[in-house]
Amino acid sequence: MARGLDHVVVAVRDLDAAAKAWAELGFTVTPENRHAWGTANRLVQLDGFFIEILTVADESLIVEASEGDFSFGAFNRNFLKTRQGASMLVAEGVDPDQDRADFQRLGLTTYAPFSFERVANFK
């Protein structure tokens, strides 16, 4: 069940300031992209891995988590209430159903599947 890393989410309160800091370190940072679930991001794409610099852009779009349902927006909103930094580490996956079964077999908490596929909407 070994998995590589897909990306890390770095939650920040000021997306533009964070993107500027990463750019000053020499990284190329993508334009802002807004998500339908209330967050916005800018990416630092590396070879086979990326860093997602993320903020809450529209709290009114965030759906609260419920029993068995994870909320990416709510998780990162709550994270940002007390700190900034790496909020999530995302492992590679090829088969979501098999991944979920593996995690359940290991006794890990699992949630209903949800998709992050979307059309990029640049600001």
PDB file of N, CA and C in Angstrom:
ATOM      1  N   MET A   1       0.814  -1.185   0.000  1.00  0.00           N
ATOM      2  CA  MET A   1       0.000   0.000   0.000  1.00  0.00           C
ATOM      3  C   MET A   1       0.863   1.256   0.000  1.00  0.00           C
ATOM      4  N   ALA A   2       2.092   1.156  -0.403  1.00  0.00           N
ATOM      5  CA  ALA A   2       2.956   2.336  -0.434  1.00  0.00           C
ATOM      6  C   ALA A   2       2.410   3.344  -1.437  1.00  0.00           C
ATOM      7  N   ARG A   3       2.437   4.590  -1.040  1.00  0.00           N
ATOM      8  CA  ARG A   3       1.959   5.663  -1.907  1.00  0.00           C
ATOM      9  C   ARG A   3       2.980   6.791  -1.896  1.00  0.00           C
ATOM     10  N   GLY A   4       3.105   7.443  -3.036  1.00  0.00           N
ATOM     11  CA  GLY A   4       3.934   8.637  -3.101  1.00  0.00           C
ATOM     12  C   GLY A   4       3.121   9.839  -2.654  1.00  0.00           C
ATOM     13  N   LEU A   5       3.737  10.976  -2.710  1.00  0.00           N
ATOM     14  CA  LEU A   5       3.042  12.208  -2.350  1.00  0.00           C
ATOM     15  C   LEU A   5       2.542  12.904  -3.607  1.00  0.00           C
ATOM     16  N   ASP A   6       1.336  13.416  -3.541  1.00  0.00           N
ATOM     17  CA  ASP A   6       0.750  14.176  -4.636  1.00  0.00           C
ATOM     18  C   ASP A   6       1.012  15.670  -4.442  1.00  0.00           C
ATOM     19  N   HIS A   7       0.625  16.165  -3.258  1.00  0.00           N
ATOM     20  CA  HIS A   7       0.887  17.579  -2.957  1.00  0.00           C
ATOM     21  C   HIS A   7       0.697  17.870  -1.479  1.00  0.00           C
ATOM     22  N   VAL A   8       1.144  19.034  -1.079  1.00  0.00           N
ATOM     23  CA  VAL A   8       0.941  19.520   0.273  1.00  0.00           C
ATOM     24  C   VAL A   8       0.105  20.797   0.169  1.00  0.00           C
ATOM     25  N   VAL A   9      -0.832  20.954   1.098  1.00  0.00           N
ATOM     26  CA  VAL A   9      -1.653  22.165   1.169  1.00  0.00           C
ATOM     27  C   VAL A   9      -1.052  23.068   2.237  1.00  0.00           C
ATOM     28  N   VAL A  10      -0.734  24.289   1.859  1.00  0.00           N
ATOM     29  CA  VAL A  10      -0.201  25.285   2.786  1.00  0.00           C
ATOM     30  C   VAL A  10      -1.266  26.363   2.934  1.00  0.00           C
ATOM     31  N   ALA A  11      -1.959  26.384   4.073  1.00  0.00           N
ATOM     32  CA  ALA A  11      -3.048  27.327   4.312  1.00  0.00           C
ATOM     33  C   ALA A  11      -2.493  28.649   4.830  1.00  0.00           C
ATOM     34  N   VAL A  12      -2.964  29.736   4.217  1.00  0.00           N
ATOM     35  CA  VAL A  12      -2.497  31.083   4.570  1.00  0.00           C
ATOM     36  C   VAL A  12      -3.688  32.035   4.655  1.00  0.00           C
ATOM     37  N   ARG A  13      -3.524  33.095   5.383  1.00  0.00           N
ATOM     38  CA  ARG A  13      -4.590  34.093   5.489  1.00  0.00           C
ATOM     39  C   ARG A  13      -4.544  35.104   4.340  1.00  0.00           C
ATOM     40  N   ASP A  14      -3.366  35.364   3.805  1.00  0.00           N
ATOM     41  CA  ASP A  14      -3.211  36.342   2.719  1.00  0.00           C
ATOM     42  C   ASP A  14      -2.554  35.643   1.529  1.00  0.00           C
ATOM     43  N   LEU A  15      -3.373  35.241   0.569  1.00  0.00           N
ATOM     44  CA  LEU A  15      -2.892  34.466  -0.573  1.00  0.00           C
ATOM     45  C   LEU A  15      -1.895  35.248  -1.414  1.00  0.00           C
ATOM     46  N   ASP A  16      -2.176  36.511  -1.673  1.00  0.00           N
ATOM     47  CA  ASP A  16      -1.263  37.311  -2.502  1.00  0.00           C
ATOM     48  C   ASP A  16       0.101  37.494  -1.841  1.00  0.00           C
ATOM     49  N   ALA A  17       0.103  37.760  -0.542  1.00  0.00           N
ATOM     50  CA  ALA A  17       1.371  37.933   0.175  1.00  0.00           C
ATOM     51  C   ALA A  17       2.166  36.626   0.186  1.00  0.00           C
ATOM     52  N   ALA A  18       1.482  35.517   0.390  1.00  0.00           N
ATOM     53  CA  ALA A  18       2.171  34.226   0.394  1.00  0.00           C
ATOM     54  C   ALA A  18       2.739  33.916  -0.987  1.00  0.00           C
ATOM     55  N   ALA A  19       1.958  34.163  -2.029  1.00  0.00           N
ATOM     56  CA  ALA A  19       2.436  33.904  -3.391  1.00  0.00           C
ATOM     57  C   ALA A  19       3.651  34.772  -3.698  1.00  0.00           C
ATOM     58  N   LYS A  20       3.621  36.000  -3.251  1.00  0.00           N
ATOM     59  CA  LYS A  20       4.766  36.902  -3.467  1.00  0.00           C
ATOM     60  C   LYS A  20       6.011  36.367  -2.756  1.00  0.00           C
ATOM     61  N   ALA A  21       5.841  35.878  -1.535  1.00  0.00           N
ATOM     62  CA  ALA A  21       6.979  35.329  -0.779  1.00  0.00           C
ATOM     63  C   ALA A  21       7.562  34.111  -1.495  1.00  0.00           C
ATOM     64  N   TRP A  22       6.708  33.202  -1.991  1.00  0.00           N
ATOM     65  CA  TRP A  22       7.201  32.025  -2.722  1.00  0.00           C
ATOM     66  C   TRP A  22       7.906  32.456  -3.999  1.00  0.00           C
ATOM     67  N   ALA A  23       7.367  33.453  -4.690  1.00  0.00           N
ATOM     68  CA  ALA A  23       8.005  33.949  -5.916  1.00  0.00           C
ATOM     69  C   ALA A  23       9.364  34.567  -5.608  1.00  0.00           C
ATOM     70  N   GLU A  24       9.461  35.285  -4.494  1.00  0.00           N
ATOM     71  CA  GLU A  24      10.737  35.887  -4.102  1.00  0.00           C
ATOM     72  C   GLU A  24      11.782  34.829  -3.750  1.00  0.00           C
ATOM     73  N   LEU A  25      11.316  33.640  -3.368  1.00  0.00           N
ATOM     74  CA  LEU A  25      12.227  32.524  -3.106  1.00  0.00           C
ATOM     75  C   LEU A  25      12.685  31.854  -4.403  1.00  0.00           C
ATOM     76  N   GLY A  26      12.111  32.284  -5.536  1.00  0.00           N
ATOM     77  CA  GLY A  26      12.525  31.758  -6.828  1.00  0.00           C
ATOM     78  C   GLY A  26      11.548  30.806  -7.488  1.00  0.00           C
ATOM     79  N   PHE A  27      10.408  30.557  -6.859  1.00  0.00           N
ATOM     80  CA  PHE A  27       9.423  29.647  -7.432  1.00  0.00           C
ATOM     81  C   PHE A  27       8.489  30.386  -8.388  1.00  0.00           C
ATOM     82  N   THR A  28       8.003  29.679  -9.384  1.00  0.00           N
ATOM     83  CA  THR A  28       6.961  30.204 -10.257  1.00  0.00           C
ATOM     84  C   THR A  28       5.630  29.846  -9.625  1.00  0.00           C
ATOM     85  N   VAL A  29       4.770  30.831  -9.453  1.00  0.00           N
ATOM     86  CA  VAL A  29       3.487  30.642  -8.787  1.00  0.00           C
ATOM     87  C   VAL A  29       2.379  30.913  -9.798  1.00  0.00           C
ATOM     88  N   THR A  30       1.407  30.006  -9.871  1.00  0.00           N
ATOM     89  CA  THR A  30       0.304  30.174 -10.826  1.00  0.00           C
ATOM     90  C   THR A  30      -0.608  31.319 -10.409  1.00  0.00           C
ATOM     91  N   PRO A  31      -1.436  31.796 -11.343  1.00  0.00           N
ATOM     92  CA  PRO A  31      -2.464  32.785 -10.973  1.00  0.00           C
ATOM     93  C   PRO A  31      -3.470  32.163 -10.004  1.00  0.00           C
ATOM     94  N   GLU A  32      -4.250  33.009  -9.364  1.00  0.00           N
ATOM     95  CA  GLU A  32      -5.258  32.543  -8.412  1.00  0.00           C
ATOM     96  C   GLU A  32      -6.359  31.760  -9.119  1.00  0.00           C
ATOM     97  N   ASN A  33      -6.790  30.696  -8.474  1.00  0.00           N
ATOM     98  CA  ASN A  33      -7.921  29.903  -8.928  1.00  0.00           C
ATOM     99  C   ASN A  33      -8.923  29.806  -7.782  1.00  0.00           C
ATOM    100  N   ARG A  34     -10.193  30.037  -8.073  1.00  0.00           N
ATOM    101  CA  ARG A  34     -11.249  29.955  -7.055  1.00  0.00           C
ATOM    102  C   ARG A  34     -11.970  28.619  -7.158  1.00  0.00           C
ATOM    103  N   HIS A  35     -12.325  28.071  -6.001  1.00  0.00           N
ATOM    104  CA  HIS A  35     -13.047  26.801  -5.933  1.00  0.00           C
ATOM    105  C   HIS A  35     -14.502  27.055  -5.563  1.00  0.00           C
ATOM    106  N   ALA A  36     -15.378  26.219  -6.044  1.00  0.00           N
ATOM    107  CA  ALA A  36     -16.808  26.343  -5.758  1.00  0.00           C
ATOM    108  C   ALA A  36     -17.127  26.152  -4.280  1.00  0.00           C
ATOM    109  N   TRP A  37     -16.191  25.568  -3.526  1.00  0.00           N
ATOM    110  CA  TRP A  37     -16.438  25.291  -2.105  1.00  0.00           C
ATOM    111  C   TRP A  37     -15.831  26.354  -1.196  1.00  0.00           C
ATOM    112  N   GLY A  38     -15.510  27.542  -1.740  1.00  0.00           N
ATOM    113  CA  GLY A  38     -15.144  28.674  -0.899  1.00  0.00           C
ATOM    114  C   GLY A  38     -13.669  28.953  -0.699  1.00  0.00           C
ATOM    115  N   THR A  39     -12.801  28.127  -1.246  1.00  0.00           N
ATOM    116  CA  THR A  39     -11.373  28.374  -1.109  1.00  0.00           C
ATOM    117  C   THR A  39     -10.785  28.876  -2.425  1.00  0.00           C
ATOM    118  N   ALA A  40      -9.592  29.405  -2.350  1.00  0.00           N
ATOM    119  CA  ALA A  40      -8.844  29.831  -3.532  1.00  0.00           C
ATOM    120  C   ALA A  40      -7.413  29.366  -3.354  1.00  0.00           C
ATOM    121  N   ASN A  41      -6.729  29.134  -4.475  1.00  0.00           N
ATOM    122  CA  ASN A  41      -5.350  28.675  -4.359  1.00  0.00           C
ATOM    123  C   ASN A  41      -4.468  29.268  -5.436  1.00  0.00           C
ATOM    124  N   ARG A  42      -3.197  29.104  -5.215  1.00  0.00           N
ATOM    125  CA  ARG A  42      -2.147  29.355  -6.194  1.00  0.00           C
ATOM    126  C   ARG A  42      -1.177  28.195  -6.023  1.00  0.00           C
ATOM    127  N   LEU A  43      -0.633  27.718  -7.112  1.00  0.00           N
ATOM    128  CA  LEU A  43       0.197  26.510  -7.061  1.00  0.00           C
ATOM    129  C   LEU A  43       1.650  26.794  -7.365  1.00  0.00           C
ATOM    130  N   VAL A  44       2.500  26.004  -6.754  1.00  0.00           N
ATOM    131  CA  VAL A  44       3.913  25.921  -7.094  1.00  0.00           C
ATOM    132  C   VAL A  44       4.101  24.504  -7.618  1.00  0.00           C
ATOM    133  N   GLN A  45       4.248  24.380  -8.936  1.00  0.00           N
ATOM    134  CA  GLN A  45       4.353  23.066  -9.568  1.00  0.00           C
ATOM    135  C   GLN A  45       5.815  22.633  -9.599  1.00  0.00           C
ATOM    136  N   LEU A  46       6.073  21.444  -9.066  1.00  0.00           N
ATOM    137  CA  LEU A  46       7.407  20.869  -9.074  1.00  0.00           C
ATOM    138  C   LEU A  46       7.373  19.605  -9.927  1.00  0.00           C
ATOM    139  N   ASP A  47       8.462  18.930 -10.062  1.00  0.00           N
ATOM    140  CA  ASP A  47       8.521  17.720 -10.877  1.00  0.00           C
ATOM    141  C   ASP A  47       7.813  16.568 -10.163  1.00  0.00           C
ATOM    142  N   GLY A  48       6.583  16.259 -10.572  1.00  0.00           N
ATOM    143  CA  GLY A  48       5.831  15.166  -9.982  1.00  0.00           C
ATOM    144  C   GLY A  48       5.173  15.473  -8.649  1.00  0.00           C
ATOM    145  N   PHE A  49       5.112  16.720  -8.246  1.00  0.00           N
ATOM    146  CA  PHE A  49       4.596  17.111  -6.940  1.00  0.00           C
ATOM    147  C   PHE A  49       4.250  18.592  -7.014  1.00  0.00           C
ATOM    148  N   PHE A  50       3.298  19.047  -6.211  1.00  0.00           N
ATOM    149  CA  PHE A  50       3.055  20.488  -6.171  1.00  0.00           C
ATOM    150  C   PHE A  50       2.707  20.947  -4.768  1.00  0.00           C
ATOM    151  N   ILE A  51       2.875  22.230  -4.561  1.00  0.00           N
ATOM    152  CA  ILE A  51       2.519  22.880  -3.309  1.00  0.00           C
ATOM    153  C   ILE A  51       1.300  23.738  -3.607  1.00  0.00           C
ATOM    154  N   GLU A  52       0.248  23.530  -2.851  1.00  0.00           N
ATOM    155  CA  GLU A  52      -0.984  24.288  -3.015  1.00  0.00           C
ATOM    156  C   GLU A  52      -1.049  25.336  -1.921  1.00  0.00           C
ATOM    157  N   ILE A  53      -0.865  26.587  -2.292  1.00  0.00           N
ATOM    158  CA  ILE A  53      -0.992  27.696  -1.352  1.00  0.00           C
ATOM    159  C   ILE A  53      -2.472  28.054  -1.354  1.00  0.00           C
ATOM    160  N   LEU A  54      -3.117  27.966  -0.213  1.00  0.00           N
ATOM    161  CA  LEU A  54      -4.577  28.016  -0.155  1.00  0.00           C
ATOM    162  C   LEU A  54      -5.069  29.016   0.879  1.00  0.00           C
ATOM    163  N   THR A  55      -6.189  29.657   0.584  1.00  0.00           N
ATOM    164  CA  THR A  55      -6.847  30.530   1.541  1.00  0.00           C
ATOM    165  C   THR A  55      -8.353  30.349   1.448  1.00  0.00           C
ATOM    166  N   VAL A  56      -9.066  30.888   2.423  1.00  0.00           N
ATOM    167  CA  VAL A  56     -10.524  30.948   2.341  1.00  0.00           C
ATOM    168  C   VAL A  56     -10.863  32.233   1.601  1.00  0.00           C
ATOM    169  N   ALA A  57     -11.561  32.092   0.485  1.00  0.00           N
ATOM    170  CA  ALA A  57     -11.899  33.253  -0.348  1.00  0.00           C
ATOM    171  C   ALA A  57     -13.330  33.723  -0.130  1.00  0.00           C
ATOM    172  N   ASP A  58     -14.246  32.797   0.110  1.00  0.00           N
ATOM    173  CA  ASP A  58     -15.654  33.139   0.294  1.00  0.00           C
ATOM    174  C   ASP A  58     -16.261  32.168   1.297  1.00  0.00           C
ATOM    175  N   GLU A  59     -16.260  32.583   2.545  1.00  0.00           N
ATOM    176  CA  GLU A  59     -16.731  31.705   3.612  1.00  0.00           C
ATOM    177  C   GLU A  59     -18.197  31.311   3.434  1.00  0.00           C
ATOM    178  N   SER A  60     -18.979  32.116   2.735  1.00  0.00           N
ATOM    179  CA  SER A  60     -20.400  31.794   2.545  1.00  0.00           C
ATOM    180  C   SER A  60     -20.602  30.551   1.679  1.00  0.00           C
ATOM    181  N   LEU A  61     -19.590  30.132   0.926  1.00  0.00           N
ATOM    182  CA  LEU A  61     -19.689  28.946   0.075  1.00  0.00           C
ATOM    183  C   LEU A  61     -19.268  27.657   0.785  1.00  0.00           C
ATOM    184  N   ILE A  62     -18.723  27.786   1.980  1.00  0.00           N
ATOM    185  CA  ILE A  62     -18.221  26.616   2.692  1.00  0.00           C
ATOM    186  C   ILE A  62     -19.365  25.811   3.281  1.00  0.00           C
ATOM    187  N   VAL A  63     -19.378  24.538   2.956  1.00  0.00           N
ATOM    188  CA  VAL A  63     -20.349  23.596   3.511  1.00  0.00           C
ATOM    189  C   VAL A  63     -19.715  22.958   4.745  1.00  0.00           C
ATOM    190  N   GLU A  64     -20.463  22.897   5.817  1.00  0.00           N
ATOM    191  CA  GLU A  64     -19.943  22.306   7.048  1.00  0.00           C
ATOM    192  C   GLU A  64     -19.817  20.790   6.902  1.00  0.00           C
ATOM    193  N   ALA A  65     -18.860  20.235   7.586  1.00  0.00           N
ATOM    194  CA  ALA A  65     -18.710  18.777   7.621  1.00  0.00           C
ATOM    195  C   ALA A  65     -19.890  18.182   8.380  1.00  0.00           C
ATOM    196  N   SER A  66     -20.222  16.946   8.048  1.00  0.00           N
ATOM    197  CA  SER A  66     -21.271  16.237   8.765  1.00  0.00           C
ATOM    198  C   SER A  66     -20.817  14.792   8.965  1.00  0.00           C
ATOM    199  N   GLU A  67     -21.578  14.022   9.679  1.00  0.00           N
ATOM    200  CA  GLU A  67     -21.212  12.632   9.958  1.00  0.00           C
ATOM    201  C   GLU A  67     -20.908  11.891   8.664  1.00  0.00           C
ATOM    202  N   GLY A  68     -19.668  11.480   8.499  1.00  0.00           N
ATOM    203  CA  GLY A  68     -19.263  10.732   7.311  1.00  0.00           C
ATOM    204  C   GLY A  68     -18.906  11.575   6.104  1.00  0.00           C
ATOM    205  N   ASP A  69     -19.089  12.892   6.188  1.00  0.00           N
ATOM    206  CA  ASP A  69     -18.778  13.775   5.052  1.00  0.00           C
ATOM    207  C   ASP A  69     -17.721  14.800   5.462  1.00  0.00           C
ATOM    208  N   PHE A  70     -16.611  14.780   4.763  1.00  0.00           N
ATOM    209  CA  PHE A  70     -15.514  15.714   5.011  1.00  0.00           C
ATOM    210  C   PHE A  70     -15.785  17.014   4.270  1.00  0.00           C
ATOM    211  N   SER A  71     -15.393  18.133   4.842  1.00  0.00           N
ATOM    212  CA  SER A  71     -15.495  19.428   4.174  1.00  0.00           C
ATOM    213  C   SER A  71     -14.104  20.049   4.090  1.00  0.00           C
ATOM    214  N   PHE A  72     -13.543  20.052   2.876  1.00  0.00           N
ATOM    215  CA  PHE A  72     -12.223  20.640   2.639  1.00  0.00           C
ATOM    216  C   PHE A  72     -12.211  22.114   3.050  1.00  0.00           C
ATOM    217  N   GLY A  73     -13.245  22.853   2.645  1.00  0.00           N
ATOM    218  CA  GLY A  73     -13.314  24.278   2.981  1.00  0.00           C
ATOM    219  C   GLY A  73     -13.386  24.517   4.478  1.00  0.00           C
ATOM    220  N   ALA A  74     -14.259  23.786   5.167  1.00  0.00           N
ATOM    221  CA  ALA A  74     -14.414  23.965   6.612  1.00  0.00           C
ATOM    222  C   ALA A  74     -13.151  23.558   7.360  1.00  0.00           C
ATOM    223  N   PHE A  75     -12.514  22.463   6.927  1.00  0.00           N
ATOM    224  CA  PHE A  75     -11.288  22.026   7.586  1.00  0.00           C
ATOM    225  C   PHE A  75     -10.228  23.126   7.525  1.00  0.00           C
ATOM    226  N   ASN A  76     -10.013  23.693   6.337  1.00  0.00           N
ATOM    227  CA  ASN A  76      -8.978  24.716   6.195  1.00  0.00           C
ATOM    228  C   ASN A  76      -9.390  26.039   6.832  1.00  0.00           C
ATOM    229  N   ARG A  77     -10.664  26.398   6.807  1.00  0.00           N
ATOM    230  CA  ARG A  77     -11.134  27.588   7.522  1.00  0.00           C
ATOM    231  C   ARG A  77     -10.824  27.449   9.006  1.00  0.00           C
ATOM    232  N   ASN A  78     -11.152  26.289   9.582  1.00  0.00           N
ATOM    233  CA  ASN A  78     -10.909  26.066  11.009  1.00  0.00           C
ATOM    234  C   ASN A  78      -9.416  26.035  11.327  1.00  0.00           C
ATOM    235  N   PHE A  79      -8.631  25.446  10.447  1.00  0.00           N
ATOM    236  CA  PHE A  79      -7.178  25.435  10.611  1.00  0.00           C
ATOM    237  C   PHE A  79      -6.647  26.861  10.709  1.00  0.00           C
ATOM    238  N   LEU A  80      -7.114  27.732   9.810  1.00  0.00           N
ATOM    239  CA  LEU A  80      -6.619  29.110   9.752  1.00  0.00           C
ATOM    240  C   LEU A  80      -7.056  29.971  10.936  1.00  0.00           C
ATOM    241  N   LYS A  81      -8.005  29.524  11.707  1.00  0.00           N
ATOM    242  CA  LYS A  81      -8.426  30.292  12.888  1.00  0.00           C
ATOM    243  C   LYS A  81      -7.326  30.350  13.937  1.00  0.00           C
ATOM    244  N   THR A  82      -6.441  29.344  13.945  1.00  0.00           N
ATOM    245  CA  THR A  82      -5.422  29.299  14.997  1.00  0.00           C
ATOM    246  C   THR A  82      -3.991  29.295  14.475  1.00  0.00           C
ATOM    247  N   ARG A  83      -3.800  29.071  13.161  1.00  0.00           N
ATOM    248  CA  ARG A  83      -2.434  28.980  12.649  1.00  0.00           C
ATOM    249  C   ARG A  83      -2.432  29.051  11.129  1.00  0.00           C
ATOM    250  N   GLN A  84      -1.236  29.143  10.570  1.00  0.00           N
ATOM    251  CA  GLN A  84      -1.015  29.062   9.134  1.00  0.00           C
ATOM    252  C   GLN A  84       0.073  28.024   8.901  1.00  0.00           C
ATOM    253  N   GLY A  85       0.107  27.459   7.706  1.00  0.00           N
ATOM    254  CA  GLY A  85       1.154  26.494   7.385  1.00  0.00           C
ATOM    255  C   GLY A  85       0.576  25.256   6.741  1.00  0.00           C
ATOM    256  N   ALA A  86       1.344  24.180   6.785  1.00  0.00           N
ATOM    257  CA  ALA A  86       0.941  22.936   6.138  1.00  0.00           C
ATOM    258  C   ALA A  86      -0.282  22.360   6.848  1.00  0.00           C
ATOM    259  N   SER A  87      -1.425  22.394   6.166  1.00  0.00           N
ATOM    260  CA  SER A  87      -2.662  21.898   6.763  1.00  0.00           C
ATOM    261  C   SER A  87      -2.975  20.466   6.337  1.00  0.00           C
ATOM    262  N   MET A  88      -2.455  20.050   5.177  1.00  0.00           N
ATOM    263  CA  MET A  88      -2.753  18.709   4.664  1.00  0.00           C
ATOM    264  C   MET A  88      -1.576  18.192   3.857  1.00  0.00           C
ATOM    265  N   LEU A  89      -1.407  16.899   3.898  1.00  0.00           N
ATOM    266  CA  LEU A  89      -0.441  16.195   3.059  1.00  0.00           C
ATOM    267  C   LEU A  89      -1.257  15.191   2.255  1.00  0.00           C
ATOM    268  N   VAL A  90      -1.222  15.298   0.947  1.00  0.00           N
ATOM    269  CA  VAL A  90      -2.085  14.493   0.082  1.00  0.00           C
ATOM    270  C   VAL A  90      -1.261  13.405  -0.594  1.00  0.00           C
ATOM    271  N   ALA A  91      -1.647  12.164  -0.357  1.00  0.00           N
ATOM    272  CA  ALA A  91      -0.957  11.018  -0.946  1.00  0.00           C
ATOM    273  C   ALA A  91      -1.497  10.740  -2.345  1.00  0.00           C
ATOM    274  N   GLU A  92      -0.639  10.144  -3.167  1.00  0.00           N
ATOM    275  CA  GLU A  92      -1.068   9.726  -4.499  1.00  0.00           C
ATOM    276  C   GLU A  92      -2.087   8.611  -4.377  1.00  0.00           C
ATOM    277  N   GLY A  93      -2.970   8.563  -5.333  1.00  0.00           N
ATOM    278  CA  GLY A  93      -3.942   7.490  -5.397  1.00  0.00           C
ATOM    279  C   GLY A  93      -4.277   7.224  -6.852  1.00  0.00           C
ATOM    280  N   VAL A  94      -4.611   5.981  -7.160  1.00  0.00           N
ATOM    281  CA  VAL A  94      -4.979   5.622  -8.524  1.00  0.00           C
ATOM    282  C   VAL A  94      -6.424   5.129  -8.567  1.00  0.00           C
ATOM    283  N   ASP A  95      -6.829   4.433  -7.525  1.00  0.00           N
ATOM    284  CA  ASP A  95      -8.159   3.842  -7.472  1.00  0.00           C
ATOM    285  C   ASP A  95      -8.817   4.262  -6.153  1.00  0.00           C
ATOM    286  N   PRO A  96      -9.699   5.266  -6.189  1.00  0.00           N
ATOM    287  CA  PRO A  96     -10.300   5.769  -4.944  1.00  0.00           C
ATOM    288  C   PRO A  96     -11.024   4.699  -4.132  1.00  0.00           C
ATOM    289  N   ASP A  97     -11.707   3.770  -4.792  1.00  0.00           N
ATOM    290  CA  ASP A  97     -12.418   2.727  -4.059  1.00  0.00           C
ATOM    291  C   ASP A  97     -11.441   1.806  -3.336  1.00  0.00           C
ATOM    292  N   GLN A  98     -10.340   1.450  -4.005  1.00  0.00           N
ATOM    293  CA  GLN A  98      -9.338   0.594  -3.368  1.00  0.00           C
ATOM    294  C   GLN A  98      -8.633   1.337  -2.237  1.00  0.00           C
ATOM    295  N   ASP A  99      -8.317   2.617  -2.467  1.00  0.00           N
ATOM    296  CA  ASP A  99      -7.694   3.419  -1.411  1.00  0.00           C
ATOM    297  C   ASP A  99      -8.576   3.438  -0.168  1.00  0.00           C
ATOM    298  N   ARG A 100      -9.858   3.700  -0.358  1.00  0.00           N
ATOM    299  CA  ARG A 100     -10.795   3.770   0.765  1.00  0.00           C
ATOM    300  C   ARG A 100     -10.859   2.424   1.497  1.00  0.00           C
ATOM    301  N   ALA A 101     -10.925   1.331   0.737  1.00  0.00           N
ATOM    302  CA  ALA A 101     -10.955  -0.007   1.344  1.00  0.00           C
ATOM    303  C   ALA A 101      -9.675  -0.268   2.140  1.00  0.00           C
ATOM    304  N   ASP A 102      -8.530   0.128   1.587  1.00  0.00           N
ATOM    305  CA  ASP A 102      -7.252  -0.039   2.300  1.00  0.00           C
ATOM    306  C   ASP A 102      -7.261   0.750   3.603  1.00  0.00           C
ATOM    307  N   PHE A 103      -7.729   1.988   3.557  1.00  0.00           N
ATOM    308  CA  PHE A 103      -7.754   2.828   4.758  1.00  0.00           C
ATOM    309  C   PHE A 103      -8.698   2.253   5.807  1.00  0.00           C
ATOM    310  N   GLN A 104      -9.860   1.756   5.378  1.00  0.00           N
ATOM    311  CA  GLN A 104     -10.801   1.148   6.322  1.00  0.00           C
ATOM    312  C   GLN A 104     -10.195  -0.097   6.956  1.00  0.00           C
ATOM    313  N   ARG A 105      -9.519  -0.915   6.150  1.00  0.00           N
ATOM    314  CA  ARG A 105      -8.869  -2.135   6.655  1.00  0.00           C
ATOM    315  C   ARG A 105      -7.844  -1.798   7.734  1.00  0.00           C
ATOM    316  N   LEU A 106      -7.192  -0.640   7.589  1.00  0.00           N
ATOM    317  CA  LEU A 106      -6.191  -0.208   8.565  1.00  0.00           C
ATOM    318  C   LEU A 106      -6.809   0.484   9.784  1.00  0.00           C
ATOM    319  N   GLY A 107      -8.126   0.636   9.770  1.00  0.00           N
ATOM    320  CA  GLY A 107      -8.797   1.256  10.905  1.00  0.00           C
ATOM    321  C   GLY A 107      -8.797   2.771  10.880  1.00  0.00           C
ATOM    322  N   LEU A 108      -8.477   3.360   9.720  1.00  0.00           N
ATOM    323  CA  LEU A 108      -8.471   4.817   9.614  1.00  0.00           C
ATOM    324  C   LEU A 108      -9.888   5.345   9.388  1.00  0.00           C
ATOM    325  N   THR A 109     -10.142   6.548   9.850  1.00  0.00           N
ATOM    326  CA  THR A 109     -11.432   7.187   9.593  1.00  0.00           C
ATOM    327  C   THR A 109     -11.530   7.493   8.108  1.00  0.00           C
ATOM    328  N   THR A 110     -12.648   7.125   7.517  1.00  0.00           N
ATOM    329  CA  THR A 110     -12.883   7.423   6.100  1.00  0.00           C
ATOM    330  C   THR A 110     -14.164   8.236   5.970  1.00  0.00           C
ATOM    331  N   TYR A 111     -14.282   8.905   4.850  1.00  0.00           N
ATOM    332  CA  TYR A 111     -15.436   9.757   4.579  1.00  0.00           C
ATOM    333  C   TYR A 111     -16.033   9.371   3.232  1.00  0.00           C
ATOM    334  N   ALA A 112     -17.214   9.855   2.992  1.00  0.00           N
ATOM    335  CA  ALA A 112     -17.843   9.634   1.690  1.00  0.00           C
ATOM    336  C   ALA A 112     -16.921  10.202   0.610  1.00  0.00           C
ATOM    337  N   PRO A 113     -16.803   9.522  -0.518  1.00  0.00           N
ATOM    338  CA  PRO A 113     -15.946  10.036  -1.598  1.00  0.00           C
ATOM    339  C   PRO A 113     -16.431  11.392  -2.102  1.00  0.00           C
ATOM    340  N   PHE A 114     -15.496  12.223  -2.498  1.00  0.00           N
ATOM    341  CA  PHE A 114     -15.822  13.497  -3.142  1.00  0.00           C
ATOM    342  C   PHE A 114     -14.737  13.792  -4.154  1.00  0.00           C
ATOM    343  N   SER A 115     -15.065  14.576  -5.158  1.00  0.00           N
ATOM    344  CA  SER A 115     -14.144  14.825  -6.251  1.00  0.00           C
ATOM    345  C   SER A 115     -13.624  16.256  -6.216  1.00  0.00           C
ATOM    346  N   PHE A 116     -12.362  16.401  -6.541  1.00  0.00           N
ATOM    347  CA  PHE A 116     -11.761  17.722  -6.639  1.00  0.00           C
ATOM    348  C   PHE A 116     -11.634  18.172  -8.092  1.00  0.00           C
ATOM    349  N   GLU A 117     -12.154  17.385  -9.009  1.00  0.00           N
ATOM    350  CA  GLU A 117     -12.063  17.781 -10.418  1.00  0.00           C
ATOM    351  C   GLU A 117     -12.905  19.015 -10.634  1.00  0.00           C
ATOM    352  N   ARG A 118     -12.372  19.944 -11.410  1.00  0.00           N
ATOM    353  CA  ARG A 118     -13.094  21.191 -11.670  1.00  0.00           C
ATOM    354  C   ARG A 118     -12.455  21.878 -12.855  1.00  0.00           C
ATOM    355  N   VAL A 119     -13.149  22.845 -13.380  1.00  0.00           N
ATOM    356  CA  VAL A 119     -12.614  23.702 -14.419  1.00  0.00           C
ATOM    357  C   VAL A 119     -11.883  24.833 -13.733  1.00  0.00           C
ATOM    358  N   ALA A 120     -10.674  25.129 -14.159  1.00  0.00           N
ATOM    359  CA  ALA A 120      -9.910  26.218 -13.555  1.00  0.00           C
ATOM    360  C   ALA A 120     -10.567  27.545 -13.867  1.00  0.00           C
ATOM    361  N   ASN A 121     -10.722  28.355 -12.823  1.00  0.00           N
ATOM    362  CA  ASN A 121     -11.298  29.690 -12.966  1.00  0.00           C
ATOM    363  C   ASN A 121     -10.280  30.688 -12.467  1.00  0.00           C
ATOM    364  N   PHE A 122      -9.586  31.335 -13.366  1.00  0.00           N
ATOM    365  CA  PHE A 122      -8.521  32.246 -12.964  1.00  0.00           C
ATOM    366  C   PHE A 122      -9.073  33.647 -12.744  1.00  0.00           C
ATOM    367  N   LYS A 123      -8.555  34.293 -11.741  1.00  0.00           N
ATOM    368  CA  LYS A 123      -8.953  35.645 -11.377  1.00  0.00           C
ATOM    369  C   LYS A 123      -8.382  36.642 -12.359  1.00  0.00           C
TER     370      LYS A 123
END
